[in-house]
Amino acid sequence: MPQSSPNLPICRDCDGFASVAIDTGTRHADGTRVTLRVDCPTCKGTGHTLRASLVRVGR
């Protein structure tokens, strides 16, 4: 069965991988790693962007 195309275009800055976990190199007292969650600033963590026709205002 063919795959359908998504209704919303995928973010061109993150290619749909909107959130990442960055390892800081340190560990908590229980031995787990300290990570930072960072979202894509363009799509704000959704992985999708608005169509250009919806963004433009005026001409």
PDB file of N, CA and C in Angstrom:
ATOM      1  N   MET A   1       0.843  -1.159   0.000  1.00  0.00           N
ATOM      2  CA  MET A   1       0.000   0.000   0.000  1.00  0.00           C
ATOM      3  C   MET A   1       0.899   1.235   0.000  1.00  0.00           C
ATOM      4  N   PRO A   2       0.608   2.230  -0.834  1.00  0.00           N
ATOM      5  CA  PRO A   2       1.445   3.435  -0.869  1.00  0.00           C
ATOM      6  C   PRO A   2       1.283   4.267   0.395  1.00  0.00           C
ATOM      7  N   GLN A   3       2.345   4.932   0.741  1.00  0.00           N
ATOM      8  CA  GLN A   3       2.309   5.795   1.915  1.00  0.00           C
ATOM      9  C   GLN A   3       1.685   7.131   1.540  1.00  0.00           C
ATOM     10  N   SER A   4       0.889   7.662   2.422  1.00  0.00           N
ATOM     11  CA  SER A   4       0.289   8.967   2.168  1.00  0.00           C
ATOM     12  C   SER A   4       1.249  10.068   2.589  1.00  0.00           C
ATOM     13  N   SER A   5       1.148  11.198   1.935  1.00  0.00           N
ATOM     14  CA  SER A   5       1.998  12.332   2.299  1.00  0.00           C
ATOM     15  C   SER A   5       1.378  13.052   3.484  1.00  0.00           C
ATOM     16  N   PRO A   6       2.212  13.598   4.379  1.00  0.00           N
ATOM     17  CA  PRO A   6       1.661  14.303   5.540  1.00  0.00           C
ATOM     18  C   PRO A   6       0.934  15.582   5.118  1.00  0.00           C
ATOM     19  N   ASN A   7      -0.082  15.935   5.899  1.00  0.00           N
ATOM     20  CA  ASN A   7      -0.852  17.142   5.607  1.00  0.00           C
ATOM     21  C   ASN A   7      -0.029  18.401   5.843  1.00  0.00           C
ATOM     22  N   LEU A   8       0.800  18.372   6.854  1.00  0.00           N
ATOM     23  CA  LEU A   8       1.632  19.524   7.158  1.00  0.00           C
ATOM     24  C   LEU A   8       3.053  19.271   6.657  1.00  0.00           C
ATOM     25  N   PRO A   9       3.695  20.274   6.083  1.00  0.00           N
ATOM     26  CA  PRO A   9       5.077  20.074   5.645  1.00  0.00           C
ATOM     27  C   PRO A   9       6.014  19.887   6.836  1.00  0.00           C
ATOM     28  N   ILE A  10       7.006  19.037   6.658  1.00  0.00           N
ATOM     29  CA  ILE A  10       7.990  18.784   7.703  1.00  0.00           C
ATOM     30  C   ILE A  10       8.934  19.976   7.802  1.00  0.00           C
ATOM     31  N   CYS A  11       9.321  20.316   9.013  1.00  0.00           N
ATOM     32  CA  CYS A  11      10.216  21.447   9.259  1.00  0.00           C
ATOM     33  C   CYS A  11      11.538  21.241   8.516  1.00  0.00           C
ATOM     34  N   ARG A  12      11.968  22.243   7.779  1.00  0.00           N
ATOM     35  CA  ARG A  12      13.204  22.103   6.997  1.00  0.00           C
ATOM     36  C   ARG A  12      14.451  22.267   7.858  1.00  0.00           C
ATOM     37  N   ASP A  13      14.315  22.821   9.035  1.00  0.00           N
ATOM     38  CA  ASP A  13      15.486  23.002   9.898  1.00  0.00           C
ATOM     39  C   ASP A  13      15.818  21.743  10.691  1.00  0.00           C
ATOM     40  N   CYS A  14      14.801  20.991  11.120  1.00  0.00           N
ATOM     41  CA  CYS A  14      15.063  19.800  11.934  1.00  0.00           C
ATOM     42  C   CYS A  14      14.667  18.498  11.239  1.00  0.00           C
ATOM     43  N   ASP A  15      14.103  18.573  10.044  1.00  0.00           N
ATOM     44  CA  ASP A  15      13.671  17.392   9.275  1.00  0.00           C
ATOM     45  C   ASP A  15      12.702  16.511  10.042  1.00  0.00           C
ATOM     46  N   GLY A  16      11.880  17.105  10.892  1.00  0.00           N
ATOM     47  CA  GLY A  16      10.881  16.351  11.636  1.00  0.00           C
ATOM     48  C   GLY A  16      11.353  15.817  12.975  1.00  0.00           C
ATOM     49  N   PHE A  17      12.657  15.916  13.260  1.00  0.00           N
ATOM     50  CA  PHE A  17      13.180  15.506  14.568  1.00  0.00           C
ATOM     51  C   PHE A  17      13.236  16.752  15.438  1.00  0.00           C
ATOM     52  N   ALA A  18      12.113  17.098  16.030  1.00  0.00           N
ATOM     53  CA  ALA A  18      11.941  18.395  16.663  1.00  0.00           C
ATOM     54  C   ALA A  18      12.587  18.533  18.034  1.00  0.00           C
ATOM     55  N   SER A  19      12.790  17.431  18.742  1.00  0.00           N
ATOM     56  CA  SER A  19      13.373  17.491  20.080  1.00  0.00           C
ATOM     57  C   SER A  19      14.563  16.549  20.167  1.00  0.00           C
ATOM     58  N   VAL A  20      15.589  16.993  20.856  1.00  0.00           N
ATOM     59  CA  VAL A  20      16.772  16.161  21.062  1.00  0.00           C
ATOM     60  C   VAL A  20      17.152  16.206  22.532  1.00  0.00           C
ATOM     61  N   ALA A  21      17.830  15.161  22.981  1.00  0.00           N
ATOM     62  CA  ALA A  21      18.352  15.107  24.343  1.00  0.00           C
ATOM     63  C   ALA A  21      19.869  15.194  24.255  1.00  0.00           C
ATOM     64  N   ILE A  22      20.447  16.183  24.909  1.00  0.00           N
ATOM     65  CA  ILE A  22      21.889  16.411  24.877  1.00  0.00           C
ATOM     66  C   ILE A  22      22.478  15.972  26.206  1.00  0.00           C
ATOM     67  N   ASP A  23      23.467  15.096  26.134  1.00  0.00           N
ATOM     68  CA  ASP A  23      24.147  14.600  27.330  1.00  0.00           C
ATOM     69  C   ASP A  23      25.170  15.642  27.775  1.00  0.00           C
ATOM     70  N   THR A  24      25.128  16.017  29.050  1.00  0.00           N
ATOM     71  CA  THR A  24      26.050  17.028  29.560  1.00  0.00           C
ATOM     72  C   THR A  24      27.383  16.449  29.997  1.00  0.00           C
ATOM     73  N   GLY A  25      27.458  15.111  30.130  1.00  0.00           N
ATOM     74  CA  GLY A  25      28.698  14.480  30.565  1.00  0.00           C
ATOM     75  C   GLY A  25      28.768  14.235  32.063  1.00  0.00           C
ATOM     76  N   THR A  26      27.842  14.765  32.815  1.00  0.00           N
ATOM     77  CA  THR A  26      27.825  14.530  34.264  1.00  0.00           C
ATOM     78  C   THR A  26      26.759  13.493  34.597  1.00  0.00           C
ATOM     79  N   ARG A  27      26.775  13.036  35.843  1.00  0.00           N
ATOM     80  CA  ARG A  27      25.818  12.019  36.280  1.00  0.00           C
ATOM     81  C   ARG A  27      25.116  12.464  37.563  1.00  0.00           C
ATOM     82  N   HIS A  28      23.884  11.965  37.723  1.00  0.00           N
ATOM     83  CA  HIS A  28      23.140  12.171  38.962  1.00  0.00           C
ATOM     84  C   HIS A  28      23.722  11.250  40.032  1.00  0.00           C
ATOM     85  N   ALA A  29      23.269  11.412  41.259  1.00  0.00           N
ATOM     86  CA  ALA A  29      23.753  10.583  42.366  1.00  0.00           C
ATOM     87  C   ALA A  29      23.413   9.103  42.162  1.00  0.00           C
ATOM     88  N   ASP A  30      22.316   8.815  41.453  1.00  0.00           N
ATOM     89  CA  ASP A  30      21.936   7.421  41.221  1.00  0.00           C
ATOM     90  C   ASP A  30      22.630   6.804  40.011  1.00  0.00           C
ATOM     91  N   GLY A  31      23.482   7.561  39.328  1.00  0.00           N
ATOM     92  CA  GLY A  31      24.256   7.035  38.212  1.00  0.00           C
ATOM     93  C   GLY A  31      23.698   7.329  36.832  1.00  0.00           C
ATOM     94  N   THR A  32      22.490   7.880  36.762  1.00  0.00           N
ATOM     95  CA  THR A  32      21.930   8.209  35.453  1.00  0.00           C
ATOM     96  C   THR A  32      22.561   9.485  34.921  1.00  0.00           C
ATOM     97  N   ARG A  33      22.550   9.639  33.618  1.00  0.00           N
ATOM     98  CA  ARG A  33      23.179  10.811  32.990  1.00  0.00           C
ATOM     99  C   ARG A  33      22.280  12.044  33.050  1.00  0.00           C
ATOM    100  N   VAL A  34      22.905  13.200  33.155  1.00  0.00           N
ATOM    101  CA  VAL A  34      22.190  14.465  33.133  1.00  0.00           C
ATOM    102  C   VAL A  34      22.019  14.857  31.671  1.00  0.00           C
ATOM    103  N   THR A  35      20.768  15.057  31.237  1.00  0.00           N
ATOM    104  CA  THR A  35      20.503  15.433  29.851  1.00  0.00           C
ATOM    105  C   THR A  35      19.681  16.711  29.802  1.00  0.00           C
ATOM    106  N   LEU A  36      19.812  17.419  28.707  1.00  0.00           N
ATOM    107  CA  LEU A  36      19.026  18.617  28.443  1.00  0.00           C
ATOM    108  C   LEU A  36      18.127  18.336  27.249  1.00  0.00           C
ATOM    109  N   ARG A  37      16.859  18.675  27.337  1.00  0.00           N
ATOM    110  CA  ARG A  37      15.942  18.514  26.214  1.00  0.00           C
ATOM    111  C   ARG A  37      15.862  19.853  25.489  1.00  0.00           C
ATOM    112  N   VAL A  38      16.138  19.831  24.188  1.00  0.00           N
ATOM    113  CA  VAL A  38      16.147  21.045  23.389  1.00  0.00           C
ATOM    114  C   VAL A  38      15.175  20.876  22.234  1.00  0.00           C
ATOM    115  N   ASP A  39      14.298  21.874  22.036  1.00  0.00           N
ATOM    116  CA  ASP A  39      13.332  21.861  20.940  1.00  0.00           C
ATOM    117  C   ASP A  39      13.819  22.742  19.795  1.00  0.00           C
ATOM    118  N   CYS A  40      13.408  22.406  18.586  1.00  0.00           N
ATOM    119  CA  CYS A  40      13.741  23.197  17.404  1.00  0.00           C
ATOM    120  C   CYS A  40      13.099  24.577  17.544  1.00  0.00           C
ATOM    121  N   PRO A  41      13.860  25.665  17.384  1.00  0.00           N
ATOM    122  CA  PRO A  41      13.286  26.996  17.544  1.00  0.00           C
ATOM    123  C   PRO A  41      12.352  27.386  16.394  1.00  0.00           C
ATOM    124  N   THR A  42      12.506  26.774  15.233  1.00  0.00           N
ATOM    125  CA  THR A  42      11.667  27.131  14.089  1.00  0.00           C
ATOM    126  C   THR A  42      10.254  26.591  14.245  1.00  0.00           C
ATOM    127  N   CYS A  43      10.132  25.287  14.545  1.00  0.00           N
ATOM    128  CA  CYS A  43       8.804  24.675  14.653  1.00  0.00           C
ATOM    129  C   CYS A  43       8.333  24.568  16.104  1.00  0.00           C
ATOM    130  N   LYS A  44       9.164  24.977  17.037  1.00  0.00           N
ATOM    131  CA  LYS A  44       8.854  24.963  18.474  1.00  0.00           C
ATOM    132  C   LYS A  44       8.529  23.567  18.985  1.00  0.00           C
ATOM    133  N   GLY A  45       9.241  22.560  18.449  1.00  0.00           N
ATOM    134  CA  GLY A  45       9.110  21.203  18.946  1.00  0.00           C
ATOM    135  C   GLY A  45       8.000  20.380  18.337  1.00  0.00           C
ATOM    136  N   THR A  46       7.331  20.874  17.302  1.00  0.00           N
ATOM    137  CA  THR A  46       6.244  20.107  16.688  1.00  0.00           C
ATOM    138  C   THR A  46       6.727  19.235  15.542  1.00  0.00           C
ATOM    139  N   GLY A  47       7.797  19.626  14.844  1.00  0.00           N
ATOM    140  CA  GLY A  47       8.284  18.876  13.696  1.00  0.00           C
ATOM    141  C   GLY A  47       7.656  19.294  12.389  1.00  0.00           C
ATOM    142  N   HIS A  48       6.682  20.195  12.457  1.00  0.00           N
ATOM    143  CA  HIS A  48       5.986  20.662  11.263  1.00  0.00           C
ATOM    144  C   HIS A  48       5.996  22.179  11.208  1.00  0.00           C
ATOM    145  N   THR A  49       5.868  22.721  10.014  1.00  0.00           N
ATOM    146  CA  THR A  49       5.779  24.168   9.840  1.00  0.00           C
ATOM    147  C   THR A  49       4.512  24.502   9.075  1.00  0.00           C
ATOM    148  N   LEU A  50       4.137  25.754   9.116  1.00  0.00           N
ATOM    149  CA  LEU A  50       2.978  26.211   8.344  1.00  0.00           C
ATOM    150  C   LEU A  50       3.362  26.386   6.887  1.00  0.00           C
ATOM    151  N   ARG A  51       2.405  26.224   6.033  1.00  0.00           N
ATOM    152  CA  ARG A  51       2.647  26.458   4.613  1.00  0.00           C
ATOM    153  C   ARG A  51       2.980  27.923   4.391  1.00  0.00           C
ATOM    154  N   ALA A  52       3.791  28.203   3.389  1.00  0.00           N
ATOM    155  CA  ALA A  52       4.209  29.576   3.116  1.00  0.00           C
ATOM    156  C   ALA A  52       3.012  30.464   2.801  1.00  0.00           C
ATOM    157  N   SER A  53       1.993  29.917   2.175  1.00  0.00           N
ATOM    158  CA  SER A  53       0.812  30.717   1.839  1.00  0.00           C
ATOM    159  C   SER A  53       0.059  31.156   3.085  1.00  0.00           C
ATOM    160  N   LEU A  54       0.145  30.374   4.166  1.00  0.00           N
ATOM    161  CA  LEU A  54      -0.534  30.744   5.412  1.00  0.00           C
ATOM    162  C   LEU A  54       0.265  31.754   6.218  1.00  0.00           C
ATOM    163  N   VAL A  55       1.576  31.811   5.993  1.00  0.00           N
ATOM    164  CA  VAL A  55       2.435  32.692   6.762  1.00  0.00           C
ATOM    165  C   VAL A  55       2.437  34.097   6.195  1.00  0.00           C
ATOM    166  N   ARG A  56       2.383  34.209   4.883  1.00  0.00           N
ATOM    167  CA  ARG A  56       2.472  35.526   4.242  1.00  0.00           C
ATOM    168  C   ARG A  56       1.255  36.375   4.547  1.00  0.00           C
ATOM    169  N   VAL A  57       1.497  37.639   4.802  1.00  0.00           N
ATOM    170  CA  VAL A  57       0.430  38.585   5.045  1.00  0.00           C
ATOM    171  C   VAL A  57       0.629  39.731   4.066  1.00  0.00           C
ATOM    172  N   GLY A  58      -0.435  40.196   3.482  1.00  0.00           N
ATOM    173  CA  GLY A  58      -0.310  41.270   2.480  1.00  0.00           C
ATOM    174  C   GLY A  58      -0.009  40.692   1.118  1.00  0.00           C
ATOM    175  N   ARG A  59       0.940  41.297   0.427  1.00  0.00           N
ATOM    176  CA  ARG A  59       1.254  40.817  -0.921  1.00  0.00           C
ATOM    177  C   ARG A  59       2.030  39.550  -0.915  1.00  0.00           C
TER     178      ARG A  59
END
